[in-house]
N, C-alpha and C. Protein backbone atom coordinates (compact mmCIF):
# COMPACT_ATOMS: atom_id res chain seq x y z
N MET A 1 38.07 152.83 127.51
CA MET A 1 38.92 153.56 128.41
C MET A 1 38.90 152.85 129.76
N ARG A 2 40.01 152.81 130.42
CA ARG A 2 40.14 152.17 131.70
C ARG A 2 39.47 153.02 132.78
N ALA A 3 38.70 152.40 133.64
CA ALA A 3 38.04 153.13 134.72
C ALA A 3 39.07 153.49 135.79
N TRP A 4 38.88 154.63 136.44
CA TRP A 4 39.75 155.04 137.54
C TRP A 4 39.34 154.31 138.79
N ASN A 5 40.30 153.89 139.57
CA ASN A 5 39.94 153.39 140.89
C ASN A 5 40.25 154.48 141.91
N ARG A 6 39.62 154.39 143.07
CA ARG A 6 39.71 155.45 144.07
C ARG A 6 41.16 155.75 144.45
N GLY A 7 41.95 154.75 144.72
CA GLY A 7 43.33 154.97 145.12
C GLY A 7 44.17 155.58 144.03
N ALA A 8 43.94 155.18 142.79
CA ALA A 8 44.72 155.72 141.68
C ALA A 8 44.41 157.18 141.46
N LEU A 9 43.14 157.54 141.57
CA LEU A 9 42.77 158.93 141.33
C LEU A 9 43.34 159.83 142.40
N LEU A 10 43.28 159.41 143.62
CA LEU A 10 43.69 160.27 144.71
C LEU A 10 45.18 160.26 144.96
N GLY A 11 45.88 159.26 144.49
CA GLY A 11 47.31 159.19 144.72
C GLY A 11 47.61 158.63 146.09
N GLY A 12 48.83 158.25 146.27
CA GLY A 12 49.19 157.62 147.52
C GLY A 12 49.78 158.55 148.55
N GLY A 13 50.03 159.78 148.23
CA GLY A 13 50.63 160.66 149.20
C GLY A 13 50.46 162.10 148.78
N LEU A 14 51.19 162.94 149.44
CA LEU A 14 51.12 164.36 149.17
C LEU A 14 51.75 164.67 147.82
N ALA A 15 51.01 165.34 146.98
CA ALA A 15 51.53 165.75 145.68
C ALA A 15 52.25 167.07 145.83
N VAL A 16 53.09 167.39 144.89
CA VAL A 16 53.80 168.66 144.89
C VAL A 16 53.53 169.34 143.56
N VAL A 17 53.08 170.58 143.63
CA VAL A 17 52.86 171.35 142.42
C VAL A 17 54.16 172.07 142.13
N LEU A 18 54.70 171.85 140.94
CA LEU A 18 56.00 172.40 140.58
C LEU A 18 55.87 173.31 139.37
N LEU A 19 56.72 174.30 139.32
CA LEU A 19 56.83 175.13 138.13
C LEU A 19 57.37 174.27 137.01
N ALA A 20 56.70 174.25 135.88
CA ALA A 20 57.16 173.46 134.75
C ALA A 20 58.52 173.96 134.30
N GLY A 21 59.38 173.04 133.89
CA GLY A 21 60.73 173.38 133.51
C GLY A 21 60.86 174.19 132.25
N CYS A 22 59.84 174.16 131.41
CA CYS A 22 59.93 174.93 130.18
C CYS A 22 58.68 175.76 130.01
N ASN A 23 58.85 176.87 129.37
CA ASN A 23 57.72 177.73 129.04
C ASN A 23 57.43 177.52 127.57
N ARG A 24 56.62 176.53 127.28
CA ARG A 24 56.38 176.16 125.90
C ARG A 24 55.20 176.93 125.35
N LEU A 25 55.35 177.42 124.16
CA LEU A 25 54.25 178.04 123.45
C LEU A 25 53.70 177.01 122.48
N LEU A 26 52.45 176.67 122.67
CA LEU A 26 51.84 175.62 121.87
C LEU A 26 50.99 176.23 120.76
N PRO A 27 51.18 175.77 119.53
CA PRO A 27 50.28 176.22 118.47
C PRO A 27 48.85 175.81 118.79
N ALA A 28 47.89 176.61 118.39
CA ALA A 28 46.49 176.35 118.72
C ALA A 28 46.05 174.94 118.32
N GLU A 29 46.55 174.42 117.19
CA GLU A 29 46.10 173.11 116.73
C GLU A 29 46.62 171.95 117.56
N THR A 30 47.60 172.17 118.44
CA THR A 30 48.13 171.09 119.27
C THR A 30 47.69 171.21 120.73
N ARG A 31 46.86 172.18 121.03
CA ARG A 31 46.39 172.37 122.41
C ARG A 31 45.26 171.41 122.73
N HIS A 32 45.17 171.07 124.01
CA HIS A 32 44.12 170.18 124.51
C HIS A 32 43.46 170.86 125.72
N PRO A 33 42.56 171.82 125.49
CA PRO A 33 41.93 172.52 126.62
C PRO A 33 40.90 171.63 127.30
N PRO A 34 40.52 171.99 128.53
CA PRO A 34 39.45 171.24 129.19
C PRO A 34 38.16 171.32 128.36
N ARG A 35 37.41 170.25 128.36
CA ARG A 35 36.16 170.23 127.60
C ARG A 35 35.16 171.16 128.27
N GLU A 36 34.20 171.61 127.49
CA GLU A 36 33.15 172.48 128.01
C GLU A 36 32.38 171.75 129.10
N GLY A 37 32.14 172.44 130.19
CA GLY A 37 31.36 171.88 131.29
C GLY A 37 32.18 171.24 132.39
N VAL A 38 33.45 170.91 132.14
CA VAL A 38 34.28 170.34 133.21
C VAL A 38 34.78 171.50 134.08
N GLN A 39 34.81 171.29 135.38
CA GLN A 39 35.25 172.32 136.31
C GLN A 39 36.58 171.91 136.94
N VAL A 40 37.66 172.46 136.42
CA VAL A 40 38.98 172.27 137.01
C VAL A 40 39.23 173.51 137.86
N GLN A 41 39.58 173.30 139.14
CA GLN A 41 39.84 174.43 140.03
C GLN A 41 41.02 174.11 140.93
N MET A 42 41.74 175.17 141.31
CA MET A 42 42.77 175.06 142.32
C MET A 42 42.47 176.13 143.36
N ARG A 43 42.33 175.66 144.62
CA ARG A 43 42.02 176.57 145.72
C ARG A 43 42.94 176.27 146.90
N GLU A 44 43.25 177.30 147.66
CA GLU A 44 44.07 177.15 148.85
C GLU A 44 43.31 176.33 149.89
N VAL A 45 44.01 175.39 150.53
CA VAL A 45 43.43 174.63 151.62
C VAL A 45 43.34 175.55 152.83
N ASP A 46 42.21 175.53 153.51
CA ASP A 46 41.95 176.37 154.67
C ASP A 46 41.88 175.48 155.91
N PRO A 47 42.98 175.37 156.67
CA PRO A 47 42.99 174.47 157.82
C PRO A 47 41.99 174.86 158.89
N ASP A 48 41.53 176.11 158.90
CA ASP A 48 40.59 176.58 159.92
C ASP A 48 39.16 176.69 159.39
N GLY A 49 38.96 176.33 158.12
CA GLY A 49 37.64 176.49 157.51
C GLY A 49 36.73 175.30 157.75
N ARG A 50 35.53 175.45 157.27
CA ARG A 50 34.54 174.38 157.37
C ARG A 50 34.76 173.40 156.22
N ALA A 51 35.03 172.16 156.56
CA ALA A 51 35.36 171.14 155.57
C ALA A 51 34.17 170.81 154.69
N THR A 52 34.42 170.78 153.39
CA THR A 52 33.36 170.46 152.44
C THR A 52 33.77 169.38 151.44
N LEU A 53 35.05 169.05 151.39
CA LEU A 53 35.55 168.07 150.43
C LEU A 53 36.19 166.91 151.18
N GLN A 54 36.23 165.75 150.51
CA GLN A 54 36.88 164.57 151.08
C GLN A 54 38.12 164.25 150.27
N TRP A 55 39.21 163.89 150.97
CA TRP A 55 40.44 163.50 150.31
C TRP A 55 41.17 162.51 151.20
N GLN A 56 41.43 161.34 150.66
CA GLN A 56 42.14 160.27 151.35
C GLN A 56 41.59 160.02 152.75
N GLY A 57 40.27 159.96 152.83
CA GLY A 57 39.63 159.62 154.09
C GLY A 57 39.53 160.75 155.09
N ARG A 58 39.90 161.95 154.71
CA ARG A 58 39.77 163.07 155.64
C ARG A 58 39.03 164.21 154.97
N SER A 59 38.43 165.04 155.79
CA SER A 59 37.70 166.20 155.29
C SER A 59 38.64 167.39 155.20
N ILE A 60 38.50 168.16 154.13
CA ILE A 60 39.31 169.37 153.98
C ILE A 60 38.40 170.54 153.60
N ALA A 61 38.85 171.71 153.94
CA ALA A 61 38.16 172.94 153.57
C ALA A 61 39.06 173.70 152.60
N VAL A 62 38.44 174.41 151.69
CA VAL A 62 39.20 175.23 150.74
C VAL A 62 38.64 176.64 150.74
N LYS A 63 39.52 177.58 150.44
CA LYS A 63 39.12 178.98 150.38
C LYS A 63 38.51 179.30 149.04
N ALA A 64 37.65 180.30 149.04
CA ALA A 64 37.05 180.80 147.80
C ALA A 64 37.57 182.22 147.59
N PRO A 65 37.63 182.68 146.40
CA PRO A 65 37.35 181.98 145.15
C PRO A 65 38.56 181.16 144.71
N PRO A 66 38.39 180.30 143.72
CA PRO A 66 39.54 179.53 143.21
C PRO A 66 40.54 180.46 142.54
N MET A 67 41.82 180.13 142.67
CA MET A 67 42.86 180.92 142.00
C MET A 67 43.06 180.47 140.56
N LEU A 68 42.57 179.28 140.25
CA LEU A 68 42.72 178.69 138.92
C LEU A 68 41.41 178.01 138.57
N THR A 69 40.93 178.22 137.33
CA THR A 69 39.73 177.54 136.86
C THR A 69 39.99 177.00 135.45
N SER A 70 39.05 176.24 134.96
CA SER A 70 39.14 175.70 133.59
C SER A 70 39.37 176.80 132.57
N ALA A 71 38.80 177.97 132.80
CA ALA A 71 38.93 179.08 131.86
C ALA A 71 40.37 179.57 131.72
N ASP A 72 41.22 179.28 132.70
CA ASP A 72 42.63 179.69 132.66
C ASP A 72 43.51 178.73 131.87
N ILE A 73 43.00 177.54 131.55
CA ILE A 73 43.82 176.45 131.00
C ILE A 73 43.65 176.35 129.49
N VAL A 74 44.78 176.31 128.77
CA VAL A 74 44.73 176.10 127.31
C VAL A 74 45.20 174.71 126.91
N ASP A 75 45.87 173.99 127.82
CA ASP A 75 46.37 172.67 127.46
C ASP A 75 46.47 171.80 128.70
N VAL A 76 46.02 170.55 128.57
CA VAL A 76 46.13 169.53 129.61
C VAL A 76 46.73 168.31 128.95
N ARG A 77 47.78 167.76 129.55
CA ARG A 77 48.36 166.54 128.99
C ARG A 77 49.11 165.76 130.05
N ALA A 78 49.19 164.47 129.82
CA ALA A 78 49.99 163.58 130.65
C ALA A 78 51.40 163.57 130.08
N ALA A 79 52.39 163.52 130.95
CA ALA A 79 53.79 163.53 130.51
C ALA A 79 54.64 162.81 131.55
N LEU A 80 55.92 162.72 131.26
CA LEU A 80 56.89 162.19 132.21
C LEU A 80 57.82 163.34 132.59
N ASP A 81 58.15 163.44 133.89
CA ASP A 81 59.08 164.48 134.33
C ASP A 81 60.52 164.02 134.09
N ALA A 82 61.48 164.81 134.54
CA ALA A 82 62.90 164.50 134.32
C ALA A 82 63.31 163.17 134.95
N ALA A 83 62.62 162.76 136.01
CA ALA A 83 62.91 161.48 136.67
C ALA A 83 62.07 160.34 136.09
N HIS A 84 61.39 160.61 134.97
CA HIS A 84 60.55 159.63 134.28
C HIS A 84 59.34 159.19 135.11
N GLN A 85 58.85 160.09 135.96
CA GLN A 85 57.64 159.85 136.73
C GLN A 85 56.47 160.53 136.02
N PRO A 86 55.28 159.92 136.03
CA PRO A 86 54.14 160.54 135.35
C PRO A 86 53.68 161.81 136.05
N VAL A 87 53.36 162.82 135.27
CA VAL A 87 52.87 164.09 135.79
C VAL A 87 51.72 164.57 134.91
N LEU A 88 50.88 165.39 135.48
CA LEU A 88 49.84 166.06 134.73
C LEU A 88 50.33 167.47 134.49
N GLU A 89 50.44 167.86 133.22
CA GLU A 89 50.91 169.20 132.87
C GLU A 89 49.72 170.07 132.49
N LEU A 90 49.69 171.28 133.05
CA LEU A 90 48.67 172.26 132.70
C LEU A 90 49.39 173.50 132.18
N THR A 91 48.95 174.01 131.04
CA THR A 91 49.49 175.24 130.46
C THR A 91 48.36 176.27 130.48
N PHE A 92 48.70 177.50 130.87
CA PHE A 92 47.70 178.52 131.11
C PHE A 92 47.65 179.58 130.02
N ARG A 93 46.52 180.24 129.94
CA ARG A 93 46.35 181.36 129.00
C ARG A 93 47.32 182.48 129.35
N LYS A 94 47.80 183.13 128.33
CA LYS A 94 48.71 184.27 128.52
C LYS A 94 48.08 185.31 129.43
N GLU A 95 46.78 185.54 129.28
CA GLU A 95 46.07 186.54 130.08
C GLU A 95 45.99 186.16 131.56
N SER A 96 46.14 184.89 131.89
CA SER A 96 46.03 184.41 133.28
C SER A 96 47.38 184.34 133.98
N ALA A 97 48.47 184.34 133.23
CA ALA A 97 49.79 184.07 133.78
C ALA A 97 50.19 185.03 134.91
N GLY A 98 50.00 186.31 134.72
CA GLY A 98 50.39 187.28 135.74
C GLY A 98 49.62 187.11 137.03
N ARG A 99 48.32 186.90 136.92
CA ARG A 99 47.48 186.69 138.10
C ARG A 99 47.89 185.42 138.84
N LEU A 100 48.15 184.34 138.10
CA LEU A 100 48.56 183.08 138.72
C LEU A 100 49.93 183.20 139.37
N LEU A 101 50.85 183.89 138.72
CA LEU A 101 52.18 184.10 139.29
C LEU A 101 52.07 184.84 140.62
N HIS A 102 51.30 185.90 140.64
CA HIS A 102 51.11 186.68 141.87
C HIS A 102 50.48 185.83 142.97
N ALA A 103 49.45 185.07 142.63
CA ALA A 103 48.77 184.23 143.61
C ALA A 103 49.68 183.15 144.17
N THR A 104 50.45 182.50 143.30
CA THR A 104 51.29 181.39 143.78
C THR A 104 52.54 181.87 144.50
N GLU A 105 53.02 183.08 144.21
CA GLU A 105 54.15 183.63 144.98
C GLU A 105 53.78 183.72 146.46
N ALA A 106 52.55 184.09 146.75
CA ALA A 106 52.09 184.23 148.12
C ALA A 106 51.80 182.88 148.78
N LEU A 107 51.75 181.81 148.01
CA LEU A 107 51.37 180.51 148.54
C LEU A 107 52.50 179.48 148.59
N VAL A 108 53.73 179.87 148.29
CA VAL A 108 54.84 178.92 148.34
C VAL A 108 54.89 178.28 149.74
N GLY A 109 54.93 176.96 149.76
CA GLY A 109 54.96 176.22 151.01
C GLY A 109 53.59 175.92 151.60
N LYS A 110 52.54 176.45 150.99
CA LYS A 110 51.18 176.20 151.48
C LYS A 110 50.49 175.16 150.60
N GLN A 111 49.45 174.56 151.16
CA GLN A 111 48.73 173.52 150.44
C GLN A 111 47.58 174.09 149.61
N VAL A 112 47.38 173.47 148.46
CA VAL A 112 46.24 173.78 147.60
C VAL A 112 45.58 172.46 147.21
N ALA A 113 44.31 172.55 146.86
CA ALA A 113 43.58 171.38 146.38
C ALA A 113 43.28 171.58 144.91
N LEU A 114 43.61 170.59 144.10
CA LEU A 114 43.27 170.60 142.68
C LEU A 114 42.06 169.69 142.53
N THR A 115 40.96 170.26 142.04
CA THR A 115 39.72 169.50 141.91
C THR A 115 39.25 169.48 140.47
N VAL A 116 38.55 168.42 140.14
CA VAL A 116 37.86 168.31 138.85
C VAL A 116 36.43 167.91 139.18
N ASP A 117 35.50 168.76 138.78
CA ASP A 117 34.08 168.52 139.05
C ASP A 117 33.84 168.20 140.52
N ASP A 118 34.46 168.99 141.40
CA ASP A 118 34.33 168.88 142.87
C ASP A 118 34.88 167.58 143.45
N HIS A 119 35.66 166.85 142.70
CA HIS A 119 36.36 165.67 143.20
C HIS A 119 37.83 166.06 143.36
N VAL A 120 38.39 165.83 144.53
CA VAL A 120 39.77 166.19 144.79
C VAL A 120 40.70 165.23 144.06
N LEU A 121 41.56 165.78 143.19
CA LEU A 121 42.57 164.96 142.52
C LEU A 121 43.84 164.89 143.35
N SER A 122 44.20 166.02 143.96
CA SER A 122 45.38 166.01 144.82
C SER A 122 45.33 167.21 145.75
N VAL A 123 45.95 167.03 146.89
CA VAL A 123 46.24 168.14 147.79
C VAL A 123 47.74 168.28 147.71
N ALA A 124 48.17 169.47 147.31
CA ALA A 124 49.58 169.66 146.99
C ALA A 124 50.17 170.84 147.74
N THR A 125 51.48 170.82 147.87
CA THR A 125 52.21 171.95 148.43
C THR A 125 52.83 172.71 147.28
N ILE A 126 52.63 174.02 147.24
CA ILE A 126 53.22 174.85 146.19
C ILE A 126 54.73 174.90 146.43
N ALA A 127 55.50 174.35 145.50
CA ALA A 127 56.95 174.30 145.62
C ALA A 127 57.62 175.57 145.13
N GLY A 128 56.96 176.30 144.25
CA GLY A 128 57.51 177.54 143.71
C GLY A 128 56.45 178.23 142.89
N PRO A 129 56.58 179.54 142.72
CA PRO A 129 55.56 180.27 141.96
C PRO A 129 55.55 179.84 140.50
N PHE A 130 54.37 179.92 139.89
CA PHE A 130 54.23 179.62 138.47
C PHE A 130 53.14 180.50 137.89
N GLY A 131 53.24 180.73 136.60
CA GLY A 131 52.24 181.54 135.93
C GLY A 131 51.87 181.01 134.56
N GLU A 132 52.84 180.43 133.85
CA GLU A 132 52.57 179.96 132.50
C GLU A 132 52.16 178.50 132.45
N SER A 133 52.69 177.68 133.36
CA SER A 133 52.37 176.26 133.36
C SER A 133 52.74 175.65 134.70
N MET A 134 52.23 174.45 134.94
CA MET A 134 52.59 173.72 136.16
C MET A 134 52.50 172.23 135.90
N GLN A 135 53.16 171.48 136.77
CA GLN A 135 53.08 170.03 136.75
C GLN A 135 52.57 169.56 138.10
N VAL A 136 51.67 168.59 138.08
CA VAL A 136 51.24 167.93 139.30
C VAL A 136 52.03 166.63 139.35
N ALA A 137 52.93 166.54 140.32
CA ALA A 137 53.84 165.40 140.42
C ALA A 137 53.73 164.79 141.82
N GLY A 138 54.29 163.60 141.97
CA GLY A 138 54.34 162.96 143.27
C GLY A 138 53.03 162.32 143.70
N THR A 139 52.16 161.99 142.75
CA THR A 139 50.86 161.43 143.09
C THR A 139 50.87 159.92 143.20
N ASN A 140 51.96 159.27 142.87
CA ASN A 140 52.08 157.81 142.88
C ASN A 140 51.10 157.14 141.93
N MET A 141 50.68 157.86 140.90
CA MET A 141 49.81 157.27 139.89
C MET A 141 50.66 156.72 138.76
N SER A 142 50.15 155.70 138.12
CA SER A 142 50.84 155.11 136.98
C SER A 142 50.69 156.03 135.77
N VAL A 143 51.48 155.75 134.74
CA VAL A 143 51.37 156.50 133.49
C VAL A 143 49.95 156.40 132.95
N ALA A 144 49.38 155.20 132.95
CA ALA A 144 48.02 155.01 132.43
C ALA A 144 46.99 155.81 133.24
N GLU A 145 47.16 155.86 134.55
CA GLU A 145 46.22 156.60 135.39
C GLU A 145 46.30 158.10 135.15
N VAL A 146 47.50 158.63 134.94
CA VAL A 146 47.64 160.05 134.62
C VAL A 146 47.04 160.33 133.24
N HIS A 147 47.25 159.44 132.28
CA HIS A 147 46.63 159.59 130.96
C HIS A 147 45.11 159.58 131.08
N ASP A 148 44.56 158.69 131.90
CA ASP A 148 43.11 158.64 132.10
C ASP A 148 42.59 159.95 132.68
N MET A 149 43.33 160.52 133.62
CA MET A 149 42.93 161.78 134.23
C MET A 149 42.91 162.90 133.18
N ALA A 150 43.97 163.00 132.40
CA ALA A 150 44.04 164.03 131.34
C ALA A 150 42.92 163.81 130.32
N ARG A 151 42.68 162.57 129.95
CA ARG A 151 41.63 162.25 128.98
C ARG A 151 40.25 162.66 129.51
N TYR A 152 40.00 162.41 130.81
CA TYR A 152 38.73 162.79 131.40
C TYR A 152 38.54 164.31 131.33
N ILE A 153 39.55 165.08 131.66
CA ILE A 153 39.45 166.54 131.66
C ILE A 153 39.22 167.07 130.25
N VAL A 154 39.90 166.50 129.27
CA VAL A 154 39.83 167.00 127.89
C VAL A 154 38.65 166.43 127.12
N HIS A 155 38.39 165.12 127.25
CA HIS A 155 37.41 164.46 126.40
C HIS A 155 36.20 163.89 127.13
N GLY A 156 36.27 163.75 128.44
CA GLY A 156 35.20 163.11 129.19
C GLY A 156 35.49 161.64 129.34
N GLY A 157 34.49 160.91 129.76
CA GLY A 157 34.65 159.49 130.02
C GLY A 157 34.09 159.18 131.38
N PRO A 158 34.51 158.06 131.97
CA PRO A 158 33.99 157.74 133.31
C PRO A 158 34.31 158.86 134.28
N ALA A 159 33.32 159.23 135.08
CA ALA A 159 33.49 160.30 136.06
C ALA A 159 34.43 159.85 137.17
N PRO A 160 35.10 160.80 137.80
CA PRO A 160 35.92 160.43 138.96
C PRO A 160 35.05 159.75 140.01
N PRO A 161 35.62 158.83 140.76
CA PRO A 161 34.81 158.11 141.76
C PRO A 161 34.36 159.04 142.87
N GLN A 162 33.24 158.70 143.48
CA GLN A 162 32.74 159.46 144.62
C GLN A 162 33.65 159.20 145.82
N GLN A 163 33.87 160.24 146.61
CA GLN A 163 34.66 160.11 147.83
C GLN A 163 33.81 159.45 148.92
N ARG A 164 34.43 158.69 149.76
CA ARG A 164 33.71 158.08 150.90
C ARG A 164 34.08 158.83 152.15
């Protein structure tokens, strides 16, 4: 498996979290949930909070508790969006959809941090509410880098690089 480099993991700019264009129901045998022990979280960025995470050379603070965790996710996969740009797609448990929809309705236009094992993958602006699925787009990562990220979440492999 190809190792992630710091710039590829973090992306080159502000990512945008978008409502996925389709509400796909995946049969259990085709789902790719996060592996046991991996911590995927999405938390609101707190511009007035005490910074605890590093992202693109700056410190950021996030609010607790997370609005999204690994337990909410039933499928993680790399894909291409309508413009043929690589995206990370996350599909959520039916039981989590209402809570996520309510949380993201209140956060449209605000920034959130998507982390894996306390490493920031992206700081994104919520473009619209979502409950069943989302896409992380606009990260300037290659198709291979997005595949590596999805593979790490689902199967493991080289850990994300440490932030400086």
